[in-house]
């Protein structure tokens, strides 16, 4: 029997990127649980909202700018409550990323 090769190229790098983003999400949620007493429902809310964005995102976290946030939120123009919920989750996440992962303040995408 032959050996099965793992995919290389774009699909593998996209998968690795998504794993890295979800690891960052896990770190964020764990930090919020430890420092703010995040509830189970709060954790679910953050994971649901941020996973939507991180799965949609094709750039690395370091390359995200305001334009990507606006483009993502525009998909929810017909659902204002969902859009506002996503914005709140993204704003909280980006503040945390800027502080804990040294993203420059002038590139903060949710201002």
C-alpha atoms as a PDB file:
ATOM      1  CA  UNK A   1       0.000   0.000   0.000  1.00  0.00           C
ATOM      2  CA  UNK A   2       1.256   3.440  -0.895  1.00  0.00           C
ATOM      3  CA  UNK A   3       1.704   6.237   1.513  1.00  0.00           C
ATOM      4  CA  UNK A   4      -0.933   8.975   1.424  1.00  0.00           C
ATOM      5  CA  UNK A   5       0.549  12.424   1.030  1.00  0.00           C
ATOM      6  CA  UNK A   6      -0.864  15.232   3.101  1.00  0.00           C
ATOM      7  CA  UNK A   7      -2.010  18.204   1.076  1.00  0.00           C
ATOM      8  CA  UNK A   8       0.449  21.003   0.688  1.00  0.00           C
ATOM      9  CA  UNK A   9       0.067  24.420  -0.839  1.00  0.00           C
ATOM     10  CA  UNK A  10      -2.780  26.774  -0.265  1.00  0.00           C
ATOM     11  CA  UNK A  11      -5.300  24.435   1.394  1.00  0.00           C
ATOM     12  CA  UNK A  12      -2.812  23.365   4.050  1.00  0.00           C
ATOM     13  CA  UNK A  13      -1.726  26.944   4.777  1.00  0.00           C
ATOM     14  CA  UNK A  14      -5.376  28.031   5.045  1.00  0.00           C
ATOM     15  CA  UNK A  15      -6.023  25.205   7.508  1.00  0.00           C
ATOM     16  CA  UNK A  16      -2.923  26.136   9.542  1.00  0.00           C
ATOM     17  CA  UNK A  17      -4.025  29.760   9.557  1.00  0.00           C
ATOM     18  CA  UNK A  18      -7.483  28.819  10.824  1.00  0.00           C
ATOM     19  CA  UNK A  19      -5.967  26.630  13.565  1.00  0.00           C
ATOM     20  CA  UNK A  20      -3.808  29.579  14.637  1.00  0.00           C
ATOM     21  CA  UNK A  21      -6.815  31.907  14.721  1.00  0.00           C
ATOM     22  CA  UNK A  22      -8.861  29.441  16.770  1.00  0.00           C
ATOM     23  CA  UNK A  23      -5.921  29.022  19.169  1.00  0.00           C
ATOM     24  CA  UNK A  24      -5.930  32.793  19.588  1.00  0.00           C
ATOM     25  CA  UNK A  25      -9.685  32.654  20.230  1.00  0.00           C
ATOM     26  CA  UNK A  26      -9.129  29.968  22.886  1.00  0.00           C
ATOM     27  CA  UNK A  27      -6.486  32.139  24.578  1.00  0.00           C
ATOM     28  CA  UNK A  28      -8.832  35.123  24.526  1.00  0.00           C
ATOM     29  CA  UNK A  29     -11.744  33.168  26.021  1.00  0.00           C
ATOM     30  CA  UNK A  30      -9.513  31.579  28.682  1.00  0.00           C
ATOM     31  CA  UNK A  31      -8.160  35.002  29.632  1.00  0.00           C
ATOM     32  CA  UNK A  32     -11.681  36.417  29.933  1.00  0.00           C
ATOM     33  CA  UNK A  33     -12.728  33.459  32.102  1.00  0.00           C
ATOM     34  CA  UNK A  34      -9.729  33.913  34.379  1.00  0.00           C
ATOM     35  CA  UNK A  35      -9.827  37.703  34.661  1.00  0.00           C
ATOM     36  CA  UNK A  36     -13.468  38.677  34.182  1.00  0.00           C
ATOM     37  CA  UNK A  37     -15.360  35.604  35.360  1.00  0.00           C
ATOM     38  CA  UNK A  38     -16.807  34.900  31.929  1.00  0.00           C
ATOM     39  CA  UNK A  39     -19.977  32.831  32.229  1.00  0.00           C
ATOM     40  CA  UNK A  40     -20.787  29.762  30.151  1.00  0.00           C
ATOM     41  CA  UNK A  41     -23.329  31.730  28.124  1.00  0.00           C
ATOM     42  CA  UNK A  42     -20.803  34.554  27.672  1.00  0.00           C
ATOM     43  CA  UNK A  43     -18.220  32.081  26.433  1.00  0.00           C
ATOM     44  CA  UNK A  44     -20.718  30.619  23.977  1.00  0.00           C
ATOM     45  CA  UNK A  45     -21.612  34.131  22.740  1.00  0.00           C
ATOM     46  CA  UNK A  46     -17.965  35.097  22.198  1.00  0.00           C
ATOM     47  CA  UNK A  47     -17.063  31.835  20.487  1.00  0.00           C
ATOM     48  CA  UNK A  48     -20.111  31.920  18.213  1.00  0.00           C
ATOM     49  CA  UNK A  49     -19.602  35.517  17.119  1.00  0.00           C
ATOM     50  CA  UNK A  50     -15.826  35.492  16.793  1.00  0.00           C
ATOM     51  CA  UNK A  51     -15.726  32.108  15.049  1.00  0.00           C
ATOM     52  CA  UNK A  52     -17.945  33.544  12.306  1.00  0.00           C
ATOM     53  CA  UNK A  53     -15.398  36.266  11.656  1.00  0.00           C
ATOM     54  CA  UNK A  54     -12.253  34.172  12.053  1.00  0.00           C
ATOM     55  CA  UNK A  55     -13.591  31.486   9.703  1.00  0.00           C
ATOM     56  CA  UNK A  56     -14.530  34.131   7.119  1.00  0.00           C
ATOM     57  CA  UNK A  57     -11.177  35.922   7.412  1.00  0.00           C
ATOM     58  CA  UNK A  58      -8.593  35.083   4.754  1.00  0.00           C
ATOM     59  CA  UNK A  59      -5.829  37.294   6.167  1.00  0.00           C
ATOM     60  CA  UNK A  60      -3.568  36.800   9.132  1.00  0.00           C
ATOM     61  CA  UNK A  61      -4.589  38.605  12.310  1.00  0.00           C
ATOM     62  CA  UNK A  62      -1.677  41.011  11.897  1.00  0.00           C
ATOM     63  CA  UNK A  63      -2.948  42.107   8.467  1.00  0.00           C
ATOM     64  CA  UNK A  64      -6.548  42.885   9.431  1.00  0.00           C
ATOM     65  CA  UNK A  65      -7.556  46.503   8.984  1.00  0.00           C
ATOM     66  CA  UNK A  66     -10.772  48.407   9.481  1.00  0.00           C
ATOM     67  CA  UNK A  67     -11.807  47.674   5.893  1.00  0.00           C
ATOM     68  CA  UNK A  68     -12.026  43.934   6.585  1.00  0.00           C
ATOM     69  CA  UNK A  69     -14.183  44.499   9.674  1.00  0.00           C
ATOM     70  CA  UNK A  70     -16.520  46.787   7.716  1.00  0.00           C
ATOM     71  CA  UNK A  71     -16.726  44.303   4.837  1.00  0.00           C
ATOM     72  CA  UNK A  72     -17.568  41.455   7.220  1.00  0.00           C
ATOM     73  CA  UNK A  73     -20.194  43.435   9.124  1.00  0.00           C
ATOM     74  CA  UNK A  74     -21.793  44.581   5.856  1.00  0.00           C
ATOM     75  CA  UNK A  75     -22.911  41.004   5.257  1.00  0.00           C
ATOM     76  CA  UNK A  76     -25.272  41.487   8.225  1.00  0.00           C
ATOM     77  CA  UNK A  77     -26.894  44.773   7.124  1.00  0.00           C
ATOM     78  CA  UNK A  78     -30.288  43.049   7.047  1.00  0.00           C
ATOM     79  CA  UNK A  79     -29.820  41.755  10.598  1.00  0.00           C
ATOM     80  CA  UNK A  80     -29.041  44.787  12.781  1.00  0.00           C
ATOM     81  CA  UNK A  81     -29.069  42.905  16.103  1.00  0.00           C
ATOM     82  CA  UNK A  82     -26.664  40.264  14.790  1.00  0.00           C
ATOM     83  CA  UNK A  83     -24.469  42.973  13.292  1.00  0.00           C
ATOM     84  CA  UNK A  84     -24.316  44.857  16.592  1.00  0.00           C
ATOM     85  CA  UNK A  85     -23.556  41.649  18.490  1.00  0.00           C
ATOM     86  CA  UNK A  86     -20.715  40.831  16.105  1.00  0.00           C
ATOM     87  CA  UNK A  87     -19.339  44.350  16.411  1.00  0.00           C
ATOM     88  CA  UNK A  88     -19.328  44.157  20.211  1.00  0.00           C
ATOM     89  CA  UNK A  89     -17.520  40.805  20.184  1.00  0.00           C
ATOM     90  CA  UNK A  90     -14.992  42.022  17.617  1.00  0.00           C
ATOM     91  CA  UNK A  91     -14.320  45.242  19.517  1.00  0.00           C
ATOM     92  CA  UNK A  92     -13.603  43.326  22.737  1.00  0.00           C
ATOM     93  CA  UNK A  93     -11.419  40.794  20.903  1.00  0.00           C
ATOM     94  CA  UNK A  94      -9.338  43.443  19.103  1.00  0.00           C
ATOM     95  CA  UNK A  95      -8.725  45.396  22.299  1.00  0.00           C
ATOM     96  CA  UNK A  96      -7.401  42.196  23.864  1.00  0.00           C
ATOM     97  CA  UNK A  97      -5.282  41.327  20.792  1.00  0.00           C
ATOM     98  CA  UNK A  98      -3.789  44.831  20.730  1.00  0.00           C
ATOM     99  CA  UNK A  99      -2.761  44.600  24.379  1.00  0.00           C
ATOM    100  CA  UNK A 100      -1.621  40.987  24.599  1.00  0.00           C
ATOM    101  CA  UNK A 101      -0.171  40.467  21.126  1.00  0.00           C
ATOM    102  CA  UNK A 102       1.435  43.843  20.509  1.00  0.00           C
ATOM    103  CA  UNK A 103      -0.656  44.899  17.532  1.00  0.00           C
ATOM    104  CA  UNK A 104       0.072  48.573  16.961  1.00  0.00           C
ATOM    105  CA  UNK A 105      -2.613  50.981  18.116  1.00  0.00           C
ATOM    106  CA  UNK A 106      -2.768  52.804  14.776  1.00  0.00           C
ATOM    107  CA  UNK A 107      -3.833  49.593  13.067  1.00  0.00           C
ATOM    108  CA  UNK A 108      -6.591  48.811  15.558  1.00  0.00           C
ATOM    109  CA  UNK A 109      -9.455  47.809  13.234  1.00  0.00           C
ATOM    110  CA  UNK A 110     -12.466  48.377  15.504  1.00  0.00           C
ATOM    111  CA  UNK A 111     -12.037  52.029  16.337  1.00  0.00           C
END
